[in-house]
Amino acid sequence: MSPYLRLAATAALVATLAACGSTTGDRALSAALIGGGGGAVVGAVAGNPLAGAAVGGAAGAVVGAVATPRDIDLGRPAWR
């Protein structure tokens, strides 16, 4: 299996397991997971998946923290 396909499968798994939640912490955590997975895929194509995951995770955490449940609410998170 190619490393790009493996990375894409991992990102898809992370995205499907993460839920937004109703608290600020839940939204920040789930968005960081989704952003990190997406960033890793983009980073792998660009040549550095670790940097992509770090940037994507940080950006996702910020977006999740500032979003309100009214903006994004996918239900109860998997970890609750």
PDB file of N, CA and C in Angstrom:
ATOM      1  N   MET A   1       0.854  -1.179   0.000  1.00  0.00           N
ATOM      2  CA  MET A   1       0.000   0.000   0.000  1.00  0.00           C
ATOM      3  C   MET A   1       0.894   1.234   0.000  1.00  0.00           C
ATOM      4  N   SER A   2       0.560   2.178  -0.840  1.00  0.00           N
ATOM      5  CA  SER A   2       1.389   3.384  -0.933  1.00  0.00           C
ATOM      6  C   SER A   2       1.230   4.234   0.331  1.00  0.00           C
ATOM      7  N   PRO A   3       2.261   4.998   0.682  1.00  0.00           N
ATOM      8  CA  PRO A   3       2.162   5.843   1.881  1.00  0.00           C
ATOM      9  C   PRO A   3       1.067   6.894   1.755  1.00  0.00           C
ATOM     10  N   TYR A   4       0.821   7.380   0.557  1.00  0.00           N
ATOM     11  CA  TYR A   4      -0.228   8.392   0.375  1.00  0.00           C
ATOM     12  C   TYR A   4      -1.611   7.790   0.613  1.00  0.00           C
ATOM     13  N   LEU A   5      -1.811   6.583   0.132  1.00  0.00           N
ATOM     14  CA  LEU A   5      -3.092   5.918   0.346  1.00  0.00           C
ATOM     15  C   LEU A   5      -3.287   5.597   1.821  1.00  0.00           C
ATOM     16  N   ARG A   6      -2.247   5.169   2.479  1.00  0.00           N
ATOM     17  CA  ARG A   6      -2.313   4.880   3.910  1.00  0.00           C
ATOM     18  C   ARG A   6      -2.648   6.147   4.703  1.00  0.00           C
ATOM     19  N   LEU A   7      -2.028   7.244   4.330  1.00  0.00           N
ATOM     20  CA  LEU A   7      -2.280   8.513   5.008  1.00  0.00           C
ATOM     21  C   LEU A   7      -3.699   9.009   4.758  1.00  0.00           C
ATOM     22  N   ALA A   8      -4.169   8.861   3.528  1.00  0.00           N
ATOM     23  CA  ALA A   8      -5.536   9.279   3.203  1.00  0.00           C
ATOM     24  C   ALA A   8      -6.549   8.437   3.969  1.00  0.00           C
ATOM     25  N   ALA A   9      -6.294   7.142   4.101  1.00  0.00           N
ATOM     26  CA  ALA A   9      -7.197   6.272   4.850  1.00  0.00           C
ATOM     27  C   ALA A   9      -7.216   6.656   6.329  1.00  0.00           C
ATOM     28  N   THR A  10      -6.061   6.989   6.873  1.00  0.00           N
ATOM     29  CA  THR A  10      -5.989   7.418   8.269  1.00  0.00           C
ATOM     30  C   THR A  10      -6.755   8.718   8.474  1.00  0.00           C
ATOM     31  N   ALA A  11      -6.590   9.658   7.561  1.00  0.00           N
ATOM     32  CA  ALA A  11      -7.309  10.934   7.666  1.00  0.00           C
ATOM     33  C   ALA A  11      -8.815  10.724   7.578  1.00  0.00           C
ATOM     34  N   ALA A  12      -9.251   9.837   6.707  1.00  0.00           N
ATOM     35  CA  ALA A  12     -10.677   9.559   6.591  1.00  0.00           C
ATOM     36  C   ALA A  12     -11.216   8.928   7.864  1.00  0.00           C
ATOM     37  N   LEU A  13     -10.441   8.042   8.477  1.00  0.00           N
ATOM     38  CA  LEU A  13     -10.852   7.407   9.719  1.00  0.00           C
ATOM     39  C   LEU A  13     -10.970   8.430  10.845  1.00  0.00           C
ATOM     40  N   VAL A  14     -10.000   9.304  10.942  1.00  0.00           N
ATOM     41  CA  VAL A  14     -10.040  10.345  11.976  1.00  0.00           C
ATOM     42  C   VAL A  14     -11.256  11.241  11.781  1.00  0.00           C
ATOM     43  N   ALA A  15     -11.524  11.614  10.548  1.00  0.00           N
ATOM     44  CA  ALA A  15     -12.657  12.498  10.277  1.00  0.00           C
ATOM     45  C   ALA A  15     -13.984  11.837  10.616  1.00  0.00           C
ATOM     46  N   THR A  16     -14.105  10.537  10.387  1.00  0.00           N
ATOM     47  CA  THR A  16     -15.370   9.879  10.678  1.00  0.00           C
ATOM     48  C   THR A  16     -15.545   9.600  12.166  1.00  0.00           C
ATOM     49  N   LEU A  17     -14.458   9.454  12.905  1.00  0.00           N
ATOM     50  CA  LEU A  17     -14.571   9.183  14.333  1.00  0.00           C
ATOM     51  C   LEU A  17     -14.776  10.438  15.163  1.00  0.00           C
ATOM     52  N   ALA A  18     -14.436  11.586  14.623  1.00  0.00           N
ATOM     53  CA  ALA A  18     -14.542  12.829  15.386  1.00  0.00           C
ATOM     54  C   ALA A  18     -15.942  13.420  15.245  1.00  0.00           C
ATOM     55  N   ALA A  19     -16.479  13.904  16.340  1.00  0.00           N
ATOM     56  CA  ALA A  19     -17.767  14.588  16.321  1.00  0.00           C
ATOM     57  C   ALA A  19     -17.563  15.958  16.943  1.00  0.00           C
ATOM     58  N   CYS A  20     -18.421  16.890  16.590  1.00  0.00           N
ATOM     59  CA  CYS A  20     -18.185  18.258  17.049  1.00  0.00           C
ATOM     60  C   CYS A  20     -18.473  18.470  18.520  1.00  0.00           C
ATOM     61  N   GLY A  21     -19.598  18.027  19.017  1.00  0.00           N
ATOM     62  CA  GLY A  21     -19.911  18.229  20.426  1.00  0.00           C
ATOM     63  C   GLY A  21     -20.522  19.585  20.693  1.00  0.00           C
ATOM     64  N   SER A  22     -20.883  19.799  21.945  1.00  0.00           N
ATOM     65  CA  SER A  22     -21.564  21.045  22.284  1.00  0.00           C
ATOM     66  C   SER A  22     -20.732  21.967  23.162  1.00  0.00           C
ATOM     67  N   THR A  23     -19.612  21.499  23.722  1.00  0.00           N
ATOM     68  CA  THR A  23     -18.781  22.383  24.529  1.00  0.00           C
ATOM     69  C   THR A  23     -17.624  22.914  23.688  1.00  0.00           C
ATOM     70  N   THR A  24     -17.050  23.996  24.142  1.00  0.00           N
ATOM     71  CA  THR A  24     -15.922  24.595  23.422  1.00  0.00           C
ATOM     72  C   THR A  24     -14.760  23.614  23.321  1.00  0.00           C
ATOM     73  N   GLY A  25     -14.465  22.913  24.391  1.00  0.00           N
ATOM     74  CA  GLY A  25     -13.368  21.948  24.387  1.00  0.00           C
ATOM     75  C   GLY A  25     -13.601  20.805  23.416  1.00  0.00           C
ATOM     76  N   ASP A  26     -14.846  20.289  23.375  1.00  0.00           N
ATOM     77  CA  ASP A  26     -15.170  19.210  22.440  1.00  0.00           C
ATOM     78  C   ASP A  26     -15.002  19.662  20.994  1.00  0.00           C
ATOM     79  N   ARG A  27     -15.492  20.860  20.707  1.00  0.00           N
ATOM     80  CA  ARG A  27     -15.380  21.363  19.328  1.00  0.00           C
ATOM     81  C   ARG A  27     -13.931  21.619  18.958  1.00  0.00           C
ATOM     82  N   ALA A  28     -13.140  22.162  19.879  1.00  0.00           N
ATOM     83  CA  ALA A  28     -11.731  22.419  19.594  1.00  0.00           C
ATOM     84  C   ALA A  28     -10.976  21.112  19.365  1.00  0.00           C
ATOM     85  N   LEU A  29     -11.241  20.102  20.186  1.00  0.00           N
ATOM     86  CA  LEU A  29     -10.556  18.817  20.051  1.00  0.00           C
ATOM     87  C   LEU A  29     -10.931  18.115  18.757  1.00  0.00           C
ATOM     88  N   SER A  30     -12.223  18.045  18.468  1.00  0.00           N
ATOM     89  CA  SER A  30     -12.629  17.338  17.253  1.00  0.00           C
ATOM     90  C   SER A  30     -12.158  18.064  15.999  1.00  0.00           C
ATOM     91  N   ALA A  31     -12.211  19.383  15.994  1.00  0.00           N
ATOM     92  CA  ALA A  31     -11.736  20.132  14.833  1.00  0.00           C
ATOM     93  C   ALA A  31     -10.223  20.004  14.681  1.00  0.00           C
ATOM     94  N   ALA A  32      -9.501  19.916  15.794  1.00  0.00           N
ATOM     95  CA  ALA A  32      -8.050  19.705  15.720  1.00  0.00           C
ATOM     96  C   ALA A  32      -7.737  18.345  15.113  1.00  0.00           C
ATOM     97  N   LEU A  33      -8.511  17.317  15.475  1.00  0.00           N
ATOM     98  CA  LEU A  33      -8.308  15.990  14.893  1.00  0.00           C
ATOM     99  C   LEU A  33      -8.593  15.987  13.399  1.00  0.00           C
ATOM    100  N   ILE A  34      -9.686  16.607  13.019  1.00  0.00           N
ATOM    101  CA  ILE A  34     -10.031  16.673  11.599  1.00  0.00           C
ATOM    102  C   ILE A  34      -8.998  17.502  10.841  1.00  0.00           C
ATOM    103  N   GLY A  35      -8.612  18.648  11.388  1.00  0.00           N
ATOM    104  CA  GLY A  35      -7.608  19.501  10.749  1.00  0.00           C
ATOM    105  C   GLY A  35      -6.254  18.827  10.661  1.00  0.00           C
ATOM    106  N   GLY A  36      -5.879  18.105  11.708  1.00  0.00           N
ATOM    107  CA  GLY A  36      -4.603  17.386  11.696  1.00  0.00           C
ATOM    108  C   GLY A  36      -4.575  16.298  10.641  1.00  0.00           C
ATOM    109  N   GLY A  37      -5.673  15.571  10.512  1.00  0.00           N
ATOM    110  CA  GLY A  37      -5.753  14.534   9.479  1.00  0.00           C
ATOM    111  C   GLY A  37      -5.686  15.109   8.078  1.00  0.00           C
ATOM    112  N   GLY A  38      -6.452  16.153   7.850  1.00  0.00           N
ATOM    113  CA  GLY A  38      -6.416  16.808   6.537  1.00  0.00           C
ATOM    114  C   GLY A  38      -5.070  17.447   6.254  1.00  0.00           C
ATOM    115  N   GLY A  39      -4.496  18.072   7.271  1.00  0.00           N
ATOM    116  CA  GLY A  39      -3.179  18.686   7.102  1.00  0.00           C
ATOM    117  C   GLY A  39      -2.099  17.669   6.803  1.00  0.00           C
ATOM    118  N   ALA A  40      -2.207  16.483   7.402  1.00  0.00           N
ATOM    119  CA  ALA A  40      -1.227  15.425   7.145  1.00  0.00           C
ATOM    120  C   ALA A  40      -1.299  14.955   5.700  1.00  0.00           C
ATOM    121  N   VAL A  41      -2.501  14.863   5.173  1.00  0.00           N
ATOM    122  CA  VAL A  41      -2.662  14.454   3.777  1.00  0.00           C
ATOM    123  C   VAL A  41      -2.069  15.505   2.846  1.00  0.00           C
ATOM    124  N   VAL A  42      -2.407  16.754   3.076  1.00  0.00           N
ATOM    125  CA  VAL A  42      -1.865  17.828   2.242  1.00  0.00           C
ATOM    126  C   VAL A  42      -0.349  17.916   2.408  1.00  0.00           C
ATOM    127  N   GLY A  43       0.122  17.777   3.641  1.00  0.00           N
ATOM    128  CA  GLY A  43       1.556  17.812   3.892  1.00  0.00           C
ATOM    129  C   GLY A  43       2.294  16.663   3.227  1.00  0.00           C
ATOM    130  N   ALA A  44       1.666  15.494   3.170  1.00  0.00           N
ATOM    131  CA  ALA A  44       2.296  14.341   2.509  1.00  0.00           C
ATOM    132  C   ALA A  44       2.480  14.602   1.024  1.00  0.00           C
ATOM    133  N   VAL A  45       1.505  15.223   0.417  1.00  0.00           N
ATOM    134  CA  VAL A  45       1.619  15.555  -1.002  1.00  0.00           C
ATOM    135  C   VAL A  45       2.704  16.610  -1.206  1.00  0.00           C
ATOM    136  N   ALA A  46       2.800  17.556  -0.265  1.00  0.00           N
ATOM    137  CA  ALA A  46       3.796  18.621  -0.377  1.00  0.00           C
ATOM    138  C   ALA A  46       5.184  18.182   0.071  1.00  0.00           C
ATOM    139  N   GLY A  47       5.278  17.054   0.783  1.00  0.00           N
ATOM    140  CA  GLY A  47       6.582  16.551   1.173  1.00  0.00           C
ATOM    141  C   GLY A  47       6.854  16.492   2.663  1.00  0.00           C
ATOM    142  N   ASN A  48       5.976  17.036   3.501  1.00  0.00           N
ATOM    143  CA  ASN A  48       6.216  17.013   4.941  1.00  0.00           C
ATOM    144  C   ASN A  48       4.893  16.807   5.693  1.00  0.00           C
ATOM    145  N   PRO A  49       4.476  15.539   5.896  1.00  0.00           N
ATOM    146  CA  PRO A  49       3.185  15.294   6.542  1.00  0.00           C
ATOM    147  C   PRO A  49       3.124  15.748   7.998  1.00  0.00           C
ATOM    148  N   LEU A  50       4.249  15.718   8.694  1.00  0.00           N
ATOM    149  CA  LEU A  50       4.248  16.134  10.097  1.00  0.00           C
ATOM    150  C   LEU A  50       3.955  17.631  10.231  1.00  0.00           C
ATOM    151  N   ALA A  51       4.591  18.429   9.401  1.00  0.00           N
ATOM    152  CA  ALA A  51       4.327  19.876   9.425  1.00  0.00           C
ATOM    153  C   ALA A  51       2.892  20.171   9.012  1.00  0.00           C
ATOM    154  N   GLY A  52       2.399  19.455   8.015  1.00  0.00           N
ATOM    155  CA  GLY A  52       1.010  19.639   7.579  1.00  0.00           C
ATOM    156  C   GLY A  52       0.027  19.301   8.677  1.00  0.00           C
ATOM    157  N   ALA A  53       0.299  18.205   9.408  1.00  0.00           N
ATOM    158  CA  ALA A  53      -0.583  17.815  10.504  1.00  0.00           C
ATOM    159  C   ALA A  53      -0.562  18.848  11.631  1.00  0.00           C
ATOM    160  N   ALA A  54       0.616  19.388  11.915  1.00  0.00           N
ATOM    161  CA  ALA A  54       0.728  20.395  12.978  1.00  0.00           C
ATOM    162  C   ALA A  54      -0.040  21.664  12.626  1.00  0.00           C
ATOM    163  N   VAL A  55       0.143  22.129  11.409  1.00  0.00           N
ATOM    164  CA  VAL A  55      -0.553  23.353  10.977  1.00  0.00           C
ATOM    165  C   VAL A  55      -2.057  23.109  10.897  1.00  0.00           C
ATOM    166  N   GLY A  56      -2.453  21.986  10.309  1.00  0.00           N
ATOM    167  CA  GLY A  56      -3.876  21.672  10.200  1.00  0.00           C
ATOM    168  C   GLY A  56      -4.532  21.489  11.550  1.00  0.00           C
ATOM    169  N   GLY A  57      -3.843  20.824  12.468  1.00  0.00           N
ATOM    170  CA  GLY A  57      -4.389  20.628  13.804  1.00  0.00           C
ATOM    171  C   GLY A  57      -4.554  21.932  14.567  1.00  0.00           C
ATOM    172  N   ALA A  58      -3.557  22.800  14.464  1.00  0.00           N
ATOM    173  CA  ALA A  58      -3.640  24.099  15.144  1.00  0.00           C
ATOM    174  C   ALA A  58      -4.762  24.950  14.564  1.00  0.00           C
ATOM    175  N   ALA A  59      -4.862  24.978  13.249  1.00  0.00           N
ATOM    176  CA  ALA A  59      -5.926  25.757  12.611  1.00  0.00           C
ATOM    177  C   ALA A  59      -7.293  25.187  12.968  1.00  0.00           C
ATOM    178  N   GLY A  60      -7.414  23.869  12.968  1.00  0.00           N
ATOM    179  CA  GLY A  60      -8.682  23.245  13.323  1.00  0.00           C
ATOM    180  C   GLY A  60      -9.082  23.533  14.752  1.00  0.00           C
ATOM    181  N   ALA A  61      -8.124  23.516  15.666  1.00  0.00           N
ATOM    182  CA  ALA A  61      -8.423  23.803  17.067  1.00  0.00           C
ATOM    183  C   ALA A  61      -8.932  25.224  17.246  1.00  0.00           C
ATOM    184  N   VAL A  62      -8.326  26.157  16.553  1.00  0.00           N
ATOM    185  CA  VAL A  62      -8.773  27.551  16.645  1.00  0.00           C
ATOM    186  C   VAL A  62     -10.184  27.699  16.087  1.00  0.00           C
ATOM    187  N   VAL A  63     -10.438  27.121  14.922  1.00  0.00           N
ATOM    188  CA  VAL A  63     -11.766  27.217  14.315  1.00  0.00           C
ATOM    189  C   VAL A  63     -12.806  26.545  15.205  1.00  0.00           C
ATOM    190  N   GLY A  64     -12.490  25.376  15.744  1.00  0.00           N
ATOM    191  CA  GLY A  64     -13.429  24.684  16.623  1.00  0.00           C
ATOM    192  C   GLY A  64     -13.704  25.445  17.902  1.00  0.00           C
ATOM    193  N   ALA A  65     -12.697  26.121  18.426  1.00  0.00           N
ATOM    194  CA  ALA A  65     -12.863  26.865  19.676  1.00  0.00           C
ATOM    195  C   ALA A  65     -13.723  28.111  19.495  1.00  0.00           C
ATOM    196  N   VAL A  66     -13.648  28.749  18.347  1.00  0.00           N
ATOM    197  CA  VAL A  66     -14.425  29.971  18.151  1.00  0.00           C
ATOM    198  C   VAL A  66     -15.818  29.704  17.591  1.00  0.00           C
ATOM    199  N   ALA A  67     -16.054  28.492  17.097  1.00  0.00           N
ATOM    200  CA  ALA A  67     -17.379  28.161  16.581  1.00  0.00           C
ATOM    201  C   ALA A  67     -18.337  27.918  17.743  1.00  0.00           C
ATOM    202  N   THR A  68     -19.599  28.218  17.543  1.00  0.00           N
ATOM    203  CA  THR A  68     -20.609  27.968  18.569  1.00  0.00           C
ATOM    204  C   THR A  68     -21.398  26.725  18.190  1.00  0.00           C
ATOM    205  N   PRO A  69     -22.102  26.114  19.150  1.00  0.00           N
ATOM    206  CA  PRO A  69     -22.913  24.945  18.808  1.00  0.00           C
ATOM    207  C   PRO A  69     -23.951  25.255  17.736  1.00  0.00           C
ATOM    208  N   ARG A  70     -24.354  26.496  17.656  1.00  0.00           N
ATOM    209  CA  ARG A  70     -25.306  26.881  16.629  1.00  0.00           C
ATOM    210  C   ARG A  70     -24.659  26.854  15.245  1.00  0.00           C
ATOM    211  N   ASP A  71     -23.351  27.164  15.180  1.00  0.00           N
ATOM    212  CA  ASP A  71     -22.630  27.146  13.911  1.00  0.00           C
ATOM    213  C   ASP A  71     -22.388  25.723  13.429  1.00  0.00           C
ATOM    214  N   ILE A  72     -21.869  24.896  14.334  1.00  0.00           N
ATOM    215  CA  ILE A  72     -21.503  23.517  13.998  1.00  0.00           C
ATOM    216  C   ILE A  72     -21.948  22.621  15.139  1.00  0.00           C
ATOM    217  N   ASP A  73     -22.844  21.680  14.865  1.00  0.00           N
ATOM    218  CA  ASP A  73     -23.256  20.726  15.890  1.00  0.00           C
ATOM    219  C   ASP A  73     -23.567  19.397  15.225  1.00  0.00           C
ATOM    220  N   LEU A  74     -22.634  18.458  15.324  1.00  0.00           N
ATOM    221  CA  LEU A  74     -22.829  17.136  14.745  1.00  0.00           C
ATOM    222  C   LEU A  74     -23.276  16.131  15.796  1.00  0.00           C
ATOM    223  N   GLY A  75     -23.629  16.609  16.967  1.00  0.00           N
ATOM    224  CA  GLY A  75     -24.113  15.712  18.008  1.00  0.00           C
ATOM    225  C   GLY A  75     -23.082  15.428  19.077  1.00  0.00           C
ATOM    226  N   ARG A  76     -23.368  14.394  19.830  1.00  0.00           N
ATOM    227  CA  ARG A  76     -22.512  14.002  20.945  1.00  0.00           C
ATOM    228  C   ARG A  76     -21.193  13.412  20.430  1.00  0.00           C
ATOM    229  N   PRO A  77     -20.046  13.854  20.984  1.00  0.00           N
ATOM    230  CA  PRO A  77     -18.777  13.314  20.521  1.00  0.00           C
ATOM    231  C   PRO A  77     -18.578  11.864  20.935  1.00  0.00           C
ATOM    232  N   ALA A  78     -17.740  11.138  20.201  1.00  0.00           N
ATOM    233  CA  ALA A  78     -17.516   9.718  20.433  1.00  0.00           C
ATOM    234  C   ALA A  78     -16.866   9.458  21.789  1.00  0.00           C
ATOM    235  N   TRP A  79     -16.131  10.424  22.328  1.00  0.00           N
ATOM    236  CA  TRP A  79     -15.425  10.193  23.583  1.00  0.00           C
ATOM    237  C   TRP A  79     -16.286  10.484  24.803  1.00  0.00           C
ATOM    238  N   ARG A  80     -17.524  10.824  24.646  1.00  0.00           N
ATOM    239  CA  ARG A  80     -18.423  11.098  25.794  1.00  0.00           C
ATOM    240  C   ARG A  80     -19.424   9.998  25.952  1.00  0.00           C
TER     241      ARG A  80
END
